[in-house]
N, C-alpha and C. Protein backbone atom coordinates (compact mmCIF):
# COMPACT_ATOMS: atom_id res chain seq x y z
N MET A 1 129.90 94.94 118.62
CA MET A 1 129.01 94.39 119.62
C MET A 1 128.48 95.50 120.54
N LEU A 2 129.33 96.45 120.84
CA LEU A 2 128.89 97.55 121.69
C LEU A 2 127.79 98.36 121.01
N GLY A 3 127.94 98.62 119.72
CA GLY A 3 126.92 99.36 118.98
C GLY A 3 125.58 98.64 118.96
N THR A 4 125.62 97.33 118.78
CA THR A 4 124.38 96.55 118.80
C THR A 4 123.75 96.57 120.18
N GLY A 5 124.57 96.48 121.20
CA GLY A 5 124.05 96.55 122.57
C GLY A 5 123.39 97.89 122.87
N ILE A 6 124.01 98.96 122.44
CA ILE A 6 123.43 100.30 122.64
C ILE A 6 122.13 100.43 121.87
N THR A 7 122.08 99.88 120.65
CA THR A 7 120.85 99.95 119.85
C THR A 7 119.71 99.20 120.54
N VAL A 8 119.99 98.01 121.05
CA VAL A 8 118.95 97.22 121.73
C VAL A 8 118.51 97.93 123.01
N TRP A 9 119.46 98.46 123.76
CA TRP A 9 119.11 99.18 124.98
C TRP A 9 118.22 100.38 124.68
N ALA A 10 118.57 101.15 123.64
CA ALA A 10 117.80 102.35 123.29
C ALA A 10 116.40 101.99 122.79
N ALA A 11 116.27 100.82 122.17
CA ALA A 11 114.96 100.41 121.66
C ALA A 11 113.96 100.17 122.80
N PHE A 12 114.44 99.82 123.97
CA PHE A 12 113.55 99.54 125.08
C PHE A 12 113.38 100.72 126.03
N GLN A 13 113.97 101.87 125.70
CA GLN A 13 113.84 103.06 126.52
C GLN A 13 112.80 104.00 125.91
N ASN A 14 112.20 104.83 126.75
CA ASN A 14 111.24 105.81 126.27
C ASN A 14 111.86 107.20 126.38
N PHE A 15 112.23 107.76 125.23
CA PHE A 15 112.84 109.09 125.18
C PHE A 15 111.86 110.13 124.65
N ALA A 16 110.58 109.82 124.68
CA ALA A 16 109.51 110.70 124.20
C ALA A 16 109.74 111.06 122.74
N GLN A 17 109.80 112.35 122.43
CA GLN A 17 109.92 112.76 121.02
C GLN A 17 111.34 112.57 120.49
N PHE A 18 112.29 112.22 121.33
CA PHE A 18 113.67 112.07 120.89
C PHE A 18 114.03 110.63 120.50
N ASN A 19 113.06 109.73 120.47
CA ASN A 19 113.34 108.34 120.10
C ASN A 19 113.98 108.25 118.72
N ILE A 20 113.40 108.91 117.74
CA ILE A 20 113.92 108.81 116.38
C ILE A 20 115.27 109.50 116.25
N VAL A 21 115.46 110.59 116.96
CA VAL A 21 116.74 111.30 116.91
C VAL A 21 117.86 110.43 117.47
N ILE A 22 117.60 109.79 118.58
CA ILE A 22 118.61 108.93 119.20
C ILE A 22 118.87 107.71 118.33
N ALA A 23 117.82 107.12 117.78
CA ALA A 23 118.00 105.96 116.91
C ALA A 23 118.81 106.30 115.66
N LEU A 24 118.52 107.45 115.05
CA LEU A 24 119.27 107.87 113.87
C LEU A 24 120.71 108.23 114.23
N GLY A 25 120.93 108.79 115.39
CA GLY A 25 122.29 109.10 115.83
C GLY A 25 123.13 107.85 116.02
N ILE A 26 122.54 106.83 116.63
CA ILE A 26 123.24 105.56 116.81
C ILE A 26 123.51 104.91 115.46
N ALA A 27 122.53 104.92 114.59
CA ALA A 27 122.71 104.32 113.26
C ALA A 27 123.77 105.05 112.45
N THR A 28 123.80 106.37 112.54
CA THR A 28 124.81 107.15 111.82
C THR A 28 126.21 106.86 112.34
N THR A 29 126.33 106.77 113.65
CA THR A 29 127.63 106.45 114.24
C THR A 29 128.11 105.07 113.80
N LYS A 30 127.21 104.10 113.82
CA LYS A 30 127.59 102.75 113.40
C LYS A 30 127.95 102.70 111.91
N ALA A 31 127.21 103.41 111.09
CA ALA A 31 127.51 103.43 109.65
C ALA A 31 128.85 104.12 109.39
N THR A 32 129.14 105.17 110.14
CA THR A 32 130.42 105.86 109.97
C THR A 32 131.58 104.94 110.34
N LEU A 33 131.45 104.21 111.42
CA LEU A 33 132.50 103.27 111.82
C LEU A 33 132.69 102.18 110.77
N VAL A 34 131.60 101.69 110.20
CA VAL A 34 131.70 100.66 109.16
C VAL A 34 132.45 101.19 107.95
N VAL A 35 132.10 102.40 107.51
CA VAL A 35 132.76 102.97 106.33
C VAL A 35 134.23 103.25 106.61
N LEU A 36 134.53 103.84 107.76
CA LEU A 36 135.91 104.23 108.04
C LEU A 36 136.84 103.05 108.26
N TYR A 37 136.40 102.06 109.01
CA TYR A 37 137.32 101.00 109.40
C TYR A 37 137.12 99.71 108.61
N PHE A 38 135.89 99.24 108.48
CA PHE A 38 135.69 97.97 107.80
C PHE A 38 135.80 98.09 106.29
N MET A 39 135.51 99.27 105.75
CA MET A 39 135.68 99.50 104.31
C MET A 39 137.01 100.20 104.03
N HIS A 40 137.83 100.41 105.06
CA HIS A 40 139.17 100.98 104.95
C HIS A 40 139.19 102.36 104.30
N ALA A 41 138.16 103.14 104.50
CA ALA A 41 138.11 104.48 103.90
C ALA A 41 139.04 105.45 104.62
N ARG A 42 139.31 105.18 105.86
CA ARG A 42 140.18 106.08 106.62
C ARG A 42 141.61 106.07 106.07
N TYR A 43 142.05 104.93 105.60
CA TYR A 43 143.43 104.81 105.13
C TYR A 43 143.52 104.75 103.60
N SER A 44 142.47 105.14 102.92
CA SER A 44 142.48 105.09 101.46
C SER A 44 143.03 106.40 100.90
N SER A 45 143.08 106.45 99.57
CA SER A 45 143.64 107.64 98.92
C SER A 45 142.69 108.83 99.08
N LYS A 46 143.23 110.00 98.81
CA LYS A 46 142.44 111.23 98.94
C LYS A 46 141.28 111.25 97.94
N ARG A 47 141.48 110.68 96.79
CA ARG A 47 140.40 110.66 95.79
C ARG A 47 139.23 109.80 96.27
N THR A 48 139.52 108.67 96.87
CA THR A 48 138.45 107.82 97.41
C THR A 48 137.72 108.54 98.54
N GLN A 49 138.45 109.22 99.38
CA GLN A 49 137.82 109.99 100.46
C GLN A 49 136.95 111.11 99.90
N LEU A 50 137.39 111.73 98.82
CA LEU A 50 136.60 112.77 98.17
C LEU A 50 135.29 112.20 97.62
N VAL A 51 135.35 111.03 97.03
CA VAL A 51 134.14 110.38 96.51
C VAL A 51 133.17 110.08 97.64
N ILE A 52 133.67 109.63 98.76
CA ILE A 52 132.81 109.32 99.91
C ILE A 52 132.16 110.59 100.45
N VAL A 53 132.93 111.65 100.59
CA VAL A 53 132.39 112.91 101.10
C VAL A 53 131.35 113.47 100.14
N CYS A 54 131.64 113.41 98.83
CA CYS A 54 130.68 113.92 97.84
C CYS A 54 129.39 113.09 97.84
N SER A 55 129.50 111.79 98.02
CA SER A 55 128.29 110.97 98.04
C SER A 55 127.44 111.24 99.28
N VAL A 56 128.07 111.48 100.41
CA VAL A 56 127.32 111.83 101.62
C VAL A 56 126.66 113.20 101.45
N PHE A 57 127.38 114.14 100.83
CA PHE A 57 126.81 115.46 100.56
C PHE A 57 125.61 115.35 99.63
N TRP A 58 125.72 114.53 98.59
CA TRP A 58 124.62 114.32 97.65
C TRP A 58 123.42 113.68 98.36
N LEU A 59 123.67 112.72 99.25
CA LEU A 59 122.60 112.11 100.02
C LEU A 59 121.90 113.15 100.88
N ALA A 60 122.67 114.05 101.48
CA ALA A 60 122.07 115.11 102.31
C ALA A 60 121.20 116.03 101.47
N ILE A 61 121.63 116.34 100.24
CA ILE A 61 120.82 117.17 99.35
C ILE A 61 119.51 116.47 99.02
N MET A 62 119.58 115.20 98.68
CA MET A 62 118.37 114.45 98.32
C MET A 62 117.41 114.34 99.51
N LEU A 63 117.93 114.11 100.70
CA LEU A 63 117.08 114.04 101.89
C LEU A 63 116.45 115.40 102.19
N ALA A 64 117.21 116.47 102.04
CA ALA A 64 116.68 117.81 102.30
C ALA A 64 115.57 118.15 101.31
N LEU A 65 115.76 117.82 100.04
CA LEU A 65 114.72 118.10 99.05
C LEU A 65 113.46 117.26 99.31
N THR A 66 113.66 116.01 99.69
CA THR A 66 112.51 115.15 99.99
C THR A 66 111.74 115.67 101.18
N LEU A 67 112.45 116.03 102.24
CA LEU A 67 111.78 116.53 103.44
C LEU A 67 111.11 117.88 103.22
N SER A 68 111.72 118.74 102.40
CA SER A 68 111.08 120.03 102.13
C SER A 68 109.81 119.83 101.30
N ASP A 69 109.82 118.87 100.39
CA ASP A 69 108.61 118.56 99.63
C ASP A 69 107.53 118.00 100.54
N TYR A 70 107.92 117.15 101.45
CA TYR A 70 106.97 116.54 102.38
C TYR A 70 106.33 117.60 103.29
N GLN A 71 107.10 118.58 103.70
CA GLN A 71 106.58 119.62 104.59
C GLN A 71 105.60 120.55 103.89
N THR A 72 105.71 120.71 102.60
CA THR A 72 104.83 121.64 101.89
C THR A 72 103.52 121.01 101.45
N ARG A 73 103.37 119.73 101.62
CA ARG A 73 102.13 119.07 101.22
C ARG A 73 101.08 119.22 102.31
N HIS A 74 99.84 119.39 101.85
CA HIS A 74 98.73 119.54 102.79
C HIS A 74 97.83 118.32 102.66
N ALA A 75 97.18 117.99 103.74
CA ALA A 75 96.26 116.86 103.73
C ALA A 75 95.05 117.20 102.86
N GLU A 76 94.66 116.27 102.03
CA GLU A 76 93.50 116.50 101.17
C GLU A 76 92.22 116.37 101.98
N TYR A 77 91.27 117.21 101.63
CA TYR A 77 89.97 117.11 102.26
C TYR A 77 89.14 116.12 101.46
N ARG A 78 88.72 115.07 102.11
CA ARG A 78 87.88 114.07 101.47
C ARG A 78 86.61 113.92 102.30
N PRO A 79 85.51 114.41 101.78
CA PRO A 79 84.27 114.29 102.56
C PRO A 79 83.86 112.83 102.70
N VAL A 80 83.31 112.52 103.84
CA VAL A 80 82.83 111.16 104.09
C VAL A 80 81.50 110.99 103.38
N PRO A 81 81.38 109.98 102.53
CA PRO A 81 80.10 109.80 101.82
C PRO A 81 78.99 109.42 102.79
N ARG A 82 77.83 109.99 102.54
CA ARG A 82 76.70 109.68 103.40
C ARG A 82 76.05 108.38 102.92
N SER A 83 75.69 107.59 103.86
CA SER A 83 75.02 106.34 103.51
C SER A 83 73.51 106.60 103.38
N ALA A 84 72.79 105.60 102.94
CA ALA A 84 71.33 105.72 102.76
C ALA A 84 70.63 105.94 104.09
N ALA A 85 71.25 105.49 105.19
CA ALA A 85 70.60 105.65 106.50
C ALA A 85 70.55 107.12 106.91
N TYR A 86 71.52 107.92 106.51
CA TYR A 86 71.53 109.32 106.86
C TYR A 86 70.55 110.14 106.02
N ASN A 87 70.24 109.68 104.81
CA ASN A 87 69.34 110.41 103.93
C ASN A 87 67.87 110.20 104.26
N ALA A 88 67.55 109.24 105.10
CA ALA A 88 66.14 108.94 105.37
C ALA A 88 65.49 109.92 106.29
């Protein structure tokens, strides 16, 4: 309940360019708590913990590759077609 309250509170605040950073931080914290306690990962075997760590590492690799691809793309130049009114 506290996590949901913090999420709702943050949604109505203006943090300028840090809105997405704060929202992702809250979401990451909530997801970590869900995995550790509600999915019992904290008290599971070492092999299960290794699988969880490896999957988070793999997710980080995929996100890094996606973001690096997104950063290298350039906007295409598309000329605006002239209408018949401009040609007259």
